[in-house]
Amino acid sequence: MSLLVDLSVSSLDPGYAAAAARRAETAAGARGTRPRLALAIGVVAATLLIVIAAVQAHVRAPAAARTRSDLAATVTRQSHAVDALARDVAGLRAAVARLRDAELAGSTAGAALSARIRSEELASGTAAVTGPGLEVSLGDAAGGGSKGNRVLDRDLQAVVNALWAAGAEAIAVDGQRLAASSAIRQAGDAILVNFTPVSAPYRVQAVGDPVAIETAFASSSTAAQMRSFSQLYGLRFDYSRQSELRLPAAAEETLRYARPVPSPTTRGGHR
């Protein structure tokens, strides 16, 4: 009778029940161990990749440093070569101008044409200029890293425009002569004048009547704004008269179109 009661209450043998419980515990442990094992493998792989990358960077560092050094030396050599060629070009242009003036000086019409050419060269900036004028100095604030504490391209543009309005005949920024097609623009943290980088402190030189230029420039809104920037942000702003300034010639423009100069008419209307 007790056997029948056991069969009706529990149909599974106790031995089978214990074996099933052990299998369930083993499967649960395996499921818990699998993620931990995958995580450990991932950590080891990531560490190995980092170590390999660090070793390769350490091995390649001397080569990269040499490459940067070689590139810097190449840039320096090419810059010096370009400067030397620019000086040669300036010398040749001056020699051509002297020969031209000597040839044209033989007649009244030639002398008048020579004077007109020199006037046009002055206006276009293609001739070097020497004379008195005003020099404006702009500099970043001491230790200033933000844009508010640095001279920007629009500051130089405003100063140049104010000097033109004050009567300047020729202007150069850090030795870069300004012409009709010149541009002053920002390129990252650098300022480019005629596509050439310039660095602070910036020297803006204007040839002309120093007293007239200084009087007009000092009373301009640009000078007042730069003085306020100097007080608020620590920018350096100063200007002074100069007895002699030497401004180089600007790069010669590419000739796009031309028209002949009319020949003088003779009596009777014949040319």
C-alpha atoms as a PDB file:
ATOM      1  CA  MET A   1       0.000   0.000   0.000  1.00  0.00           C
ATOM      2  CA  SER A   2       2.907   2.424   0.791  1.00  0.00           C
ATOM      3  CA  LEU A   3       4.442   1.686  -2.629  1.00  0.00           C
ATOM      4  CA  LEU A   4       1.220   2.679  -4.350  1.00  0.00           C
ATOM      5  CA  VAL A   5       1.100   5.914  -2.348  1.00  0.00           C
ATOM      6  CA  ASP A   6       4.715   6.747  -3.352  1.00  0.00           C
ATOM      7  CA  LEU A   7       3.982   6.092  -7.010  1.00  0.00           C
ATOM      8  CA  SER A   8       0.950   8.386  -6.942  1.00  0.00           C
ATOM      9  CA  VAL A   9       2.749  11.195  -5.115  1.00  0.00           C
ATOM     10  CA  SER A  10       6.142  11.080  -6.874  1.00  0.00           C
ATOM     11  CA  SER A  11       6.412   9.451 -10.270  1.00  0.00           C
ATOM     12  CA  LEU A  12      10.185  10.191 -10.597  1.00  0.00           C
ATOM     13  CA  ASP A  13      12.745   8.078  -8.841  1.00  0.00           C
ATOM     14  CA  PRO A  14      14.789  10.089  -6.258  1.00  0.00           C
ATOM     15  CA  GLY A  15      18.026   9.081  -7.974  1.00  0.00           C
ATOM     16  CA  TYR A  16      16.825  10.426 -11.305  1.00  0.00           C
ATOM     17  CA  ALA A  17      15.662  13.638  -9.606  1.00  0.00           C
ATOM     18  CA  ALA A  18      19.093  14.176  -8.030  1.00  0.00           C
ATOM     19  CA  ALA A  19      20.858  13.581 -11.358  1.00  0.00           C
ATOM     20  CA  ALA A  20      18.549  16.059 -13.141  1.00  0.00           C
ATOM     21  CA  ALA A  21      19.205  18.683 -10.443  1.00  0.00           C
ATOM     22  CA  ARG A  22      22.973  18.230 -10.842  1.00  0.00           C
ATOM     23  CA  ARG A  23      22.707  18.659 -14.632  1.00  0.00           C
ATOM     24  CA  ALA A  24      20.670  21.839 -14.202  1.00  0.00           C
ATOM     25  CA  GLU A  25      23.254  23.286 -11.798  1.00  0.00           C
ATOM     26  CA  THR A  26      26.100  22.420 -14.197  1.00  0.00           C
ATOM     27  CA  ALA A  27      24.308  24.063 -17.146  1.00  0.00           C
ATOM     28  CA  ALA A  28      23.634  27.232 -15.093  1.00  0.00           C
ATOM     29  CA  GLY A  29      27.292  27.439 -14.064  1.00  0.00           C
ATOM     30  CA  ALA A  30      28.423  27.052 -17.658  1.00  0.00           C
ATOM     31  CA  ARG A  31      26.054  29.819 -18.766  1.00  0.00           C
ATOM     32  CA  GLY A  32      27.478  32.126 -16.064  1.00  0.00           C
ATOM     33  CA  THR A  33      31.093  31.263 -16.891  1.00  0.00           C
ATOM     34  CA  ARG A  34      30.737  31.843 -20.650  1.00  0.00           C
ATOM     35  CA  PRO A  35      30.193  35.679 -20.490  1.00  0.00           C
ATOM     36  CA  ARG A  36      32.994  36.080 -17.956  1.00  0.00           C
ATOM     37  CA  LEU A  37      35.326  34.121 -20.203  1.00  0.00           C
ATOM     38  CA  ALA A  38      34.381  36.201 -23.277  1.00  0.00           C
ATOM     39  CA  LEU A  39      34.941  39.416 -21.299  1.00  0.00           C
ATOM     40  CA  ALA A  40      38.359  38.263 -20.154  1.00  0.00           C
ATOM     41  CA  ILE A  41      39.344  37.315 -23.701  1.00  0.00           C
ATOM     42  CA  GLY A  42      38.224  40.755 -24.959  1.00  0.00           C
ATOM     43  CA  VAL A  43      40.241  42.577 -22.298  1.00  0.00           C
ATOM     44  CA  VAL A  44      43.340  40.550 -23.107  1.00  0.00           C
ATOM     45  CA  ALA A  45      42.941  41.187 -26.858  1.00  0.00           C
ATOM     46  CA  ALA A  46      42.477  44.934 -26.352  1.00  0.00           C
ATOM     47  CA  THR A  47      45.514  45.097 -24.076  1.00  0.00           C
ATOM     48  CA  LEU A  48      47.567  43.200 -26.632  1.00  0.00           C
ATOM     49  CA  LEU A  49      46.523  45.601 -29.412  1.00  0.00           C
ATOM     50  CA  ILE A  50      47.415  48.632 -27.283  1.00  0.00           C
ATOM     51  CA  VAL A  51      50.818  47.186 -26.455  1.00  0.00           C
ATOM     52  CA  ILE A  52      51.524  46.393 -30.122  1.00  0.00           C
ATOM     53  CA  ALA A  53      50.476  49.901 -31.204  1.00  0.00           C
ATOM     54  CA  ALA A  54      52.665  51.491 -28.528  1.00  0.00           C
ATOM     55  CA  VAL A  55      55.656  49.400 -29.577  1.00  0.00           C
ATOM     56  CA  GLN A  56      55.169  50.284 -33.250  1.00  0.00           C
ATOM     57  CA  ALA A  57      54.797  53.991 -32.434  1.00  0.00           C
ATOM     58  CA  HIS A  58      57.964  53.869 -30.365  1.00  0.00           C
ATOM     59  CA  VAL A  59      59.847  52.130 -33.157  1.00  0.00           C
ATOM     60  CA  ARG A  60      58.584  54.536 -35.850  1.00  0.00           C
ATOM     61  CA  ALA A  61      59.019  57.727 -33.770  1.00  0.00           C
ATOM     62  CA  PRO A  62      62.651  58.365 -34.803  1.00  0.00           C
ATOM     63  CA  ALA A  63      61.751  57.928 -38.472  1.00  0.00           C
ATOM     64  CA  ALA A  64      58.797  60.312 -38.158  1.00  0.00           C
ATOM     65  CA  ALA A  65      60.964  62.879 -36.384  1.00  0.00           C
ATOM     66  CA  ARG A  66      63.568  62.628 -39.137  1.00  0.00           C
ATOM     67  CA  THR A  67      60.871  63.049 -41.777  1.00  0.00           C
ATOM     68  CA  ARG A  68      59.514  66.174 -40.083  1.00  0.00           C
ATOM     69  CA  SER A  69      63.024  67.558 -39.729  1.00  0.00           C
ATOM     70  CA  ASP A  70      63.781  66.893 -43.399  1.00  0.00           C
ATOM     71  CA  LEU A  71      60.528  68.559 -44.470  1.00  0.00           C
ATOM     72  CA  ALA A  72      61.242  71.601 -42.305  1.00  0.00           C
ATOM     73  CA  ALA A  73      64.751  71.886 -43.740  1.00  0.00           C
ATOM     74  CA  THR A  74      63.364  71.588 -47.278  1.00  0.00           C
ATOM     75  CA  VAL A  75      60.795  74.316 -46.619  1.00  0.00           C
ATOM     76  CA  THR A  76      63.513  76.578 -45.193  1.00  0.00           C
ATOM     77  CA  ARG A  77      65.790  76.021 -48.201  1.00  0.00           C
ATOM     78  CA  GLN A  78      62.990  76.633 -50.684  1.00  0.00           C
ATOM     79  CA  SER A  79      61.909  79.781 -48.819  1.00  0.00           C
ATOM     80  CA  HIS A  80      65.446  81.141 -48.982  1.00  0.00           C
ATOM     81  CA  ALA A  81      65.616  80.276 -52.668  1.00  0.00           C
ATOM     82  CA  VAL A  82      62.323  82.057 -53.348  1.00  0.00           C
ATOM     83  CA  ASP A  83      63.531  85.117 -51.423  1.00  0.00           C
ATOM     84  CA  ALA A  84      66.754  85.168 -53.436  1.00  0.00           C
ATOM     85  CA  LEU A  85      64.810  84.908 -56.707  1.00  0.00           C
ATOM     86  CA  ALA A  86      62.486  87.713 -55.571  1.00  0.00           C
ATOM     87  CA  ARG A  87      65.514  89.927 -54.914  1.00  0.00           C
ATOM     88  CA  ASP A  88      66.878  89.082 -58.353  1.00  0.00           C
ATOM     89  CA  VAL A  89      63.541  89.928 -59.948  1.00  0.00           C
ATOM     90  CA  ALA A  90      63.402  93.244 -58.088  1.00  0.00           C
ATOM     91  CA  GLY A  91      66.913  94.111 -59.271  1.00  0.00           C
ATOM     92  CA  LEU A  92      66.112  93.224 -62.873  1.00  0.00           C
ATOM     93  CA  ARG A  93      62.889  95.222 -62.800  1.00  0.00           C
ATOM     94  CA  ALA A  94      64.759  98.245 -61.468  1.00  0.00           C
ATOM     95  CA  ALA A  95      67.369  97.873 -64.223  1.00  0.00           C
ATOM     96  CA  VAL A  96      64.644  97.641 -66.883  1.00  0.00           C
ATOM     97  CA  ALA A  97      62.974 100.746 -65.471  1.00  0.00           C
ATOM     98  CA  ARG A  98      66.244 102.689 -65.621  1.00  0.00           C
ATOM     99  CA  LEU A  99      66.843 101.648 -69.218  1.00  0.00           C
ATOM    100  CA  ARG A 100      63.271 102.548 -70.130  1.00  0.00           C
ATOM    101  CA  ASP A 101      63.524 105.991 -68.547  1.00  0.00           C
ATOM    102  CA  ALA A 102      66.869 106.588 -70.273  1.00  0.00           C
ATOM    103  CA  GLU A 103      65.386 105.722 -73.664  1.00  0.00           C
ATOM    104  CA  LEU A 104      62.261 107.820 -73.143  1.00  0.00           C
ATOM    105  CA  ALA A 105      64.164 110.841 -71.852  1.00  0.00           C
ATOM    106  CA  GLY A 106      65.289 111.725 -75.372  1.00  0.00           C
ATOM    107  CA  SER A 107      62.037 113.505 -76.259  1.00  0.00           C
ATOM    108  CA  THR A 108      59.413 115.595 -74.533  1.00  0.00           C
ATOM    109  CA  ALA A 109      56.690 113.055 -75.288  1.00  0.00           C
ATOM    110  CA  GLY A 110      58.912 110.248 -74.015  1.00  0.00           C
ATOM    111  CA  ALA A 111      59.670 112.098 -70.791  1.00  0.00           C
ATOM    112  CA  ALA A 112      55.958 112.706 -70.244  1.00  0.00           C
ATOM    113  CA  LEU A 113      55.222 109.029 -70.893  1.00  0.00           C
ATOM    114  CA  SER A 114      57.998 107.994 -68.488  1.00  0.00           C
ATOM    115  CA  ALA A 115      56.521 110.202 -65.748  1.00  0.00           C
ATOM    116  CA  ARG A 116      53.084 108.718 -66.395  1.00  0.00           C
ATOM    117  CA  ILE A 117      54.468 105.188 -66.183  1.00  0.00           C
ATOM    118  CA  ARG A 118      56.161 105.935 -62.868  1.00  0.00           C
ATOM    119  CA  SER A 119      52.907 107.392 -61.531  1.00  0.00           C
ATOM    120  CA  GLU A 120      50.990 104.280 -62.610  1.00  0.00           C
ATOM    121  CA  GLU A 121      53.623 102.024 -61.061  1.00  0.00           C
ATOM    122  CA  LEU A 122      53.278 103.879 -57.783  1.00  0.00           C
ATOM    123  CA  ALA A 123      49.506 103.507 -57.862  1.00  0.00           C
ATOM    124  CA  SER A 124      49.655  99.816 -58.767  1.00  0.00           C
ATOM    125  CA  GLY A 125      52.438  99.075 -56.288  1.00  0.00           C
ATOM    126  CA  THR A 126      54.772  97.549 -58.850  1.00  0.00           C
ATOM    127  CA  ALA A 127      57.620  99.964 -58.034  1.00  0.00           C
ATOM    128  CA  ALA A 128      59.601 100.182 -54.810  1.00  0.00           C
ATOM    129  CA  VAL A 129      58.964 103.335 -52.786  1.00  0.00           C
ATOM    130  CA  THR A 130      61.168 105.300 -50.382  1.00  0.00           C
ATOM    131  CA  GLY A 131      60.008 108.280 -48.362  1.00  0.00           C
ATOM    132  CA  PRO A 132      58.669 109.589 -45.062  1.00  0.00           C
ATOM    133  CA  GLY A 133      55.456 108.302 -43.570  1.00  0.00           C
ATOM    134  CA  LEU A 134      53.739 106.677 -40.613  1.00  0.00           C
ATOM    135  CA  GLU A 135      54.399 103.265 -39.065  1.00  0.00           C
ATOM    136  CA  VAL A 136      51.647 101.508 -37.106  1.00  0.00           C
ATOM    137  CA  SER A 137      52.540  98.585 -34.817  1.00  0.00           C
ATOM    138  CA  LEU A 138      49.985  95.965 -33.749  1.00  0.00           C
ATOM    139  CA  GLY A 139      50.750  93.127 -31.349  1.00  0.00           C
ATOM    140  CA  ASP A 140      49.005  90.315 -29.474  1.00  0.00           C
ATOM    141  CA  ALA A 141      48.395  90.625 -25.757  1.00  0.00           C
ATOM    142  CA  ALA A 142      51.125  89.235 -23.534  1.00  0.00           C
ATOM    143  CA  GLY A 143      50.309  85.573 -22.857  1.00  0.00           C
ATOM    144  CA  GLY A 144      46.950  85.881 -24.594  1.00  0.00           C
ATOM    145  CA  GLY A 145      45.668  82.645 -26.112  1.00  0.00           C
ATOM    146  CA  SER A 146      42.081  83.480 -27.022  1.00  0.00           C
ATOM    147  CA  LYS A 147      41.039  85.254 -30.194  1.00  0.00           C
ATOM    148  CA  GLY A 148      40.016  88.270 -28.156  1.00  0.00           C
ATOM    149  CA  ASN A 149      43.650  88.715 -27.123  1.00  0.00           C
ATOM    150  CA  ARG A 150      45.140  88.364 -30.618  1.00  0.00           C
ATOM    151  CA  VAL A 151      45.287  90.660 -33.591  1.00  0.00           C
ATOM    152  CA  LEU A 152      42.907  89.399 -36.278  1.00  0.00           C
ATOM    153  CA  ASP A 153      42.825  89.910 -40.017  1.00  0.00           C
ATOM    154  CA  ARG A 154      39.949  92.373 -39.721  1.00  0.00           C
ATOM    155  CA  ASP A 155      42.057  94.515 -37.378  1.00  0.00           C
ATOM    156  CA  LEU A 156      44.811  94.776 -39.997  1.00  0.00           C
ATOM    157  CA  GLN A 157      42.227  95.413 -42.705  1.00  0.00           C
ATOM    158  CA  ALA A 158      40.703  98.262 -40.703  1.00  0.00           C
ATOM    159  CA  VAL A 159      44.110  99.854 -40.029  1.00  0.00           C
ATOM    160  CA  VAL A 160      45.131  99.609 -43.707  1.00  0.00           C
ATOM    161  CA  ASN A 161      41.849 101.130 -44.895  1.00  0.00           C
ATOM    162  CA  ALA A 162      42.178 103.954 -42.369  1.00  0.00           C
ATOM    163  CA  LEU A 163      45.708 104.701 -43.605  1.00  0.00           C
ATOM    164  CA  TRP A 164      44.530 104.777 -47.222  1.00  0.00           C
ATOM    165  CA  ALA A 165      41.762 107.166 -46.190  1.00  0.00           C
ATOM    166  CA  ALA A 166      44.327 109.298 -44.327  1.00  0.00           C
ATOM    167  CA  GLY A 167      46.218 109.925 -47.557  1.00  0.00           C
ATOM    168  CA  ALA A 168      48.846 107.173 -47.719  1.00  0.00           C
ATOM    169  CA  GLU A 169      50.465 106.793 -51.126  1.00  0.00           C
ATOM    170  CA  ALA A 170      51.846 103.279 -50.559  1.00  0.00           C
ATOM    171  CA  ILE A 171      51.389 100.699 -47.772  1.00  0.00           C
ATOM    172  CA  ALA A 172      53.185  97.497 -46.777  1.00  0.00           C
ATOM    173  CA  VAL A 173      52.404  95.003 -43.999  1.00  0.00           C
ATOM    174  CA  ASP A 174      55.492  93.245 -42.648  1.00  0.00           C
ATOM    175  CA  GLY A 175      57.278  93.916 -45.926  1.00  0.00           C
ATOM    176  CA  GLN A 176      54.338  92.777 -48.094  1.00  0.00           C
ATOM    177  CA  ARG A 177      53.429  95.616 -50.429  1.00  0.00           C
ATOM    178  CA  LEU A 178      49.713  96.101 -50.919  1.00  0.00           C
ATOM    179  CA  ALA A 179      48.261  96.507 -54.396  1.00  0.00           C
ATOM    180  CA  ALA A 180      44.756  96.623 -55.833  1.00  0.00           C
ATOM    181  CA  SER A 181      44.412  92.828 -55.745  1.00  0.00           C
ATOM    182  CA  SER A 182      46.043  92.290 -52.336  1.00  0.00           C
ATOM    183  CA  ALA A 183      44.178  90.354 -49.654  1.00  0.00           C
ATOM    184  CA  ILE A 184      44.512  90.200 -45.872  1.00  0.00           C
ATOM    185  CA  ARG A 185      42.839  87.091 -44.546  1.00  0.00           C
ATOM    186  CA  GLN A 186      42.841  84.652 -41.652  1.00  0.00           C
ATOM    187  CA  ALA A 187      44.004  81.053 -42.143  1.00  0.00           C
ATOM    188  CA  GLY A 188      43.560  79.233 -38.856  1.00  0.00           C
ATOM    189  CA  ASP A 189      45.739  81.041 -36.335  1.00  0.00           C
ATOM    190  CA  ALA A 190      47.860  82.695 -39.035  1.00  0.00           C
ATOM    191  CA  ILE A 191      47.271  85.870 -41.024  1.00  0.00           C
ATOM    192  CA  LEU A 192      48.104  85.881 -44.729  1.00  0.00           C
ATOM    193  CA  VAL A 193      49.001  89.012 -46.684  1.00  0.00           C
ATOM    194  CA  ASN A 194      49.282  88.386 -50.419  1.00  0.00           C
ATOM    195  CA  PHE A 195      49.080  84.668 -49.523  1.00  0.00           C
ATOM    196  CA  THR A 196      52.263  85.045 -47.430  1.00  0.00           C
ATOM    197  CA  PRO A 197      52.069  84.370 -43.667  1.00  0.00           C
ATOM    198  CA  VAL A 198      52.992  87.271 -41.410  1.00  0.00           C
ATOM    199  CA  SER A 199      53.543  87.185 -37.662  1.00  0.00           C
ATOM    200  CA  ALA A 200      53.072  89.516 -34.722  1.00  0.00           C
ATOM    201  CA  PRO A 201      54.061  92.181 -33.997  1.00  0.00           C
ATOM    202  CA  TYR A 202      52.672  93.456 -37.278  1.00  0.00           C
ATOM    203  CA  ARG A 203      54.264  96.573 -38.808  1.00  0.00           C
ATOM    204  CA  VAL A 204      52.038  98.544 -41.138  1.00  0.00           C
ATOM    205  CA  GLN A 205      54.109 101.146 -42.987  1.00  0.00           C
ATOM    206  CA  ALA A 206      52.468 103.941 -44.953  1.00  0.00           C
ATOM    207  CA  VAL A 207      54.456 106.327 -47.167  1.00  0.00           C
ATOM    208  CA  GLY A 208      53.156 109.871 -47.512  1.00  0.00           C
ATOM    209  CA  ASP A 209      52.994 113.167 -45.642  1.00  0.00           C
ATOM    210  CA  PRO A 210      53.668 111.966 -42.070  1.00  0.00           C
ATOM    211  CA  VAL A 211      51.942 114.903 -40.354  1.00  0.00           C
ATOM    212  CA  ALA A 212      48.803 114.714 -42.483  1.00  0.00           C
ATOM    213  CA  ILE A 213      48.584 110.918 -42.247  1.00  0.00           C
ATOM    214  CA  GLU A 214      49.100 110.887 -38.478  1.00  0.00           C
ATOM    215  CA  THR A 215      46.545 113.640 -37.911  1.00  0.00           C
ATOM    216  CA  ALA A 216      43.858 111.923 -39.991  1.00  0.00           C
ATOM    217  CA  PHE A 217      44.632 108.427 -38.719  1.00  0.00           C
ATOM    218  CA  ALA A 218      44.722 109.443 -35.031  1.00  0.00           C
ATOM    219  CA  SER A 219      41.247 110.964 -35.300  1.00  0.00           C
ATOM    220  CA  SER A 220      39.759 108.003 -37.192  1.00  0.00           C
ATOM    221  CA  SER A 221      37.260 105.555 -35.712  1.00  0.00           C
ATOM    222  CA  THR A 222      39.715 102.717 -36.381  1.00  0.00           C
ATOM    223  CA  ALA A 223      42.378 104.261 -34.146  1.00  0.00           C
ATOM    224  CA  ALA A 224      39.767 104.836 -31.431  1.00  0.00           C
ATOM    225  CA  GLN A 225      38.640 101.204 -31.701  1.00  0.00           C
ATOM    226  CA  MET A 226      42.218  99.901 -31.521  1.00  0.00           C
ATOM    227  CA  ARG A 227      42.867 102.054 -28.431  1.00  0.00           C
ATOM    228  CA  SER A 228      39.804 100.529 -26.765  1.00  0.00           C
ATOM    229  CA  PHE A 229      40.975  97.027 -27.717  1.00  0.00           C
ATOM    230  CA  SER A 230      44.318  97.857 -26.133  1.00  0.00           C
ATOM    231  CA  GLN A 231      42.615  98.821 -22.876  1.00  0.00           C
ATOM    232  CA  LEU A 232      40.087  95.964 -22.825  1.00  0.00           C
ATOM    233  CA  TYR A 233      42.126  93.045 -24.192  1.00  0.00           C
ATOM    234  CA  GLY A 234      45.728  94.150 -23.779  1.00  0.00           C
ATOM    235  CA  LEU A 235      46.485  94.367 -27.509  1.00  0.00           C
ATOM    236  CA  ARG A 236      49.540  96.431 -28.351  1.00  0.00           C
ATOM    237  CA  PHE A 237      48.790  99.421 -30.544  1.00  0.00           C
ATOM    238  CA  ASP A 238      51.183 102.233 -31.364  1.00  0.00           C
ATOM    239  CA  TYR A 239      52.095 104.521 -34.254  1.00  0.00           C
ATOM    240  CA  SER A 240      54.886 106.956 -34.956  1.00  0.00           C
ATOM    241  CA  ARG A 241      56.183 109.196 -37.720  1.00  0.00           C
ATOM    242  CA  GLN A 242      59.132 107.938 -39.742  1.00  0.00           C
ATOM    243  CA  SER A 243      61.568 110.109 -41.666  1.00  0.00           C
ATOM    244  CA  GLU A 244      62.305 107.352 -44.186  1.00  0.00           C
ATOM    245  CA  LEU A 245      60.464 104.165 -45.053  1.00  0.00           C
ATOM    246  CA  ARG A 246      61.495 101.654 -47.707  1.00  0.00           C
ATOM    247  CA  LEU A 247      58.639  99.672 -49.207  1.00  0.00           C
ATOM    248  CA  PRO A 248      59.374  96.891 -51.702  1.00  0.00           C
ATOM    249  CA  ALA A 249      57.516  96.471 -54.955  1.00  0.00           C
ATOM    250  CA  ALA A 250      54.486  94.243 -55.049  1.00  0.00           C
ATOM    251  CA  ALA A 251      54.383  91.133 -57.170  1.00  0.00           C
ATOM    252  CA  GLU A 252      53.804  92.029 -60.797  1.00  0.00           C
ATOM    253  CA  GLU A 253      50.241  91.492 -61.924  1.00  0.00           C
ATOM    254  CA  THR A 254      49.355  89.221 -64.816  1.00  0.00           C
ATOM    255  CA  LEU A 255      48.441  91.293 -67.881  1.00  0.00           C
ATOM    256  CA  ARG A 256      44.862  90.461 -68.871  1.00  0.00           C
ATOM    257  CA  TYR A 257      44.056  93.194 -71.387  1.00  0.00           C
ATOM    258  CA  ALA A 258      45.695  96.319 -72.838  1.00  0.00           C
ATOM    259  CA  ARG A 259      44.902  99.164 -75.173  1.00  0.00           C
ATOM    260  CA  PRO A 260      47.330 101.198 -77.289  1.00  0.00           C
ATOM    261  CA  VAL A 261      48.280 104.711 -76.267  1.00  0.00           C
ATOM    262  CA  PRO A 262      46.929 107.190 -78.872  1.00  0.00           C
ATOM    263  CA  SER A 263      49.691 108.749 -80.899  1.00  0.00           C
ATOM    264  CA  PRO A 264      49.801 112.569 -80.945  1.00  0.00           C
ATOM    265  CA  THR A 265      48.002 114.175 -83.869  1.00  0.00           C
ATOM    266  CA  THR A 266      49.808 116.483 -86.238  1.00  0.00           C
ATOM    267  CA  ARG A 267      48.561 119.743 -87.731  1.00  0.00           C
ATOM    268  CA  GLY A 268      45.987 119.046 -90.336  1.00  0.00           C
ATOM    269  CA  GLY A 269      44.526 116.090 -88.455  1.00  0.00           C
ATOM    270  CA  HIS A 270      46.866 113.415 -89.831  1.00  0.00           C
ATOM    271  CA  ARG A 271      48.255 110.779 -87.457  1.00  0.00           C
END
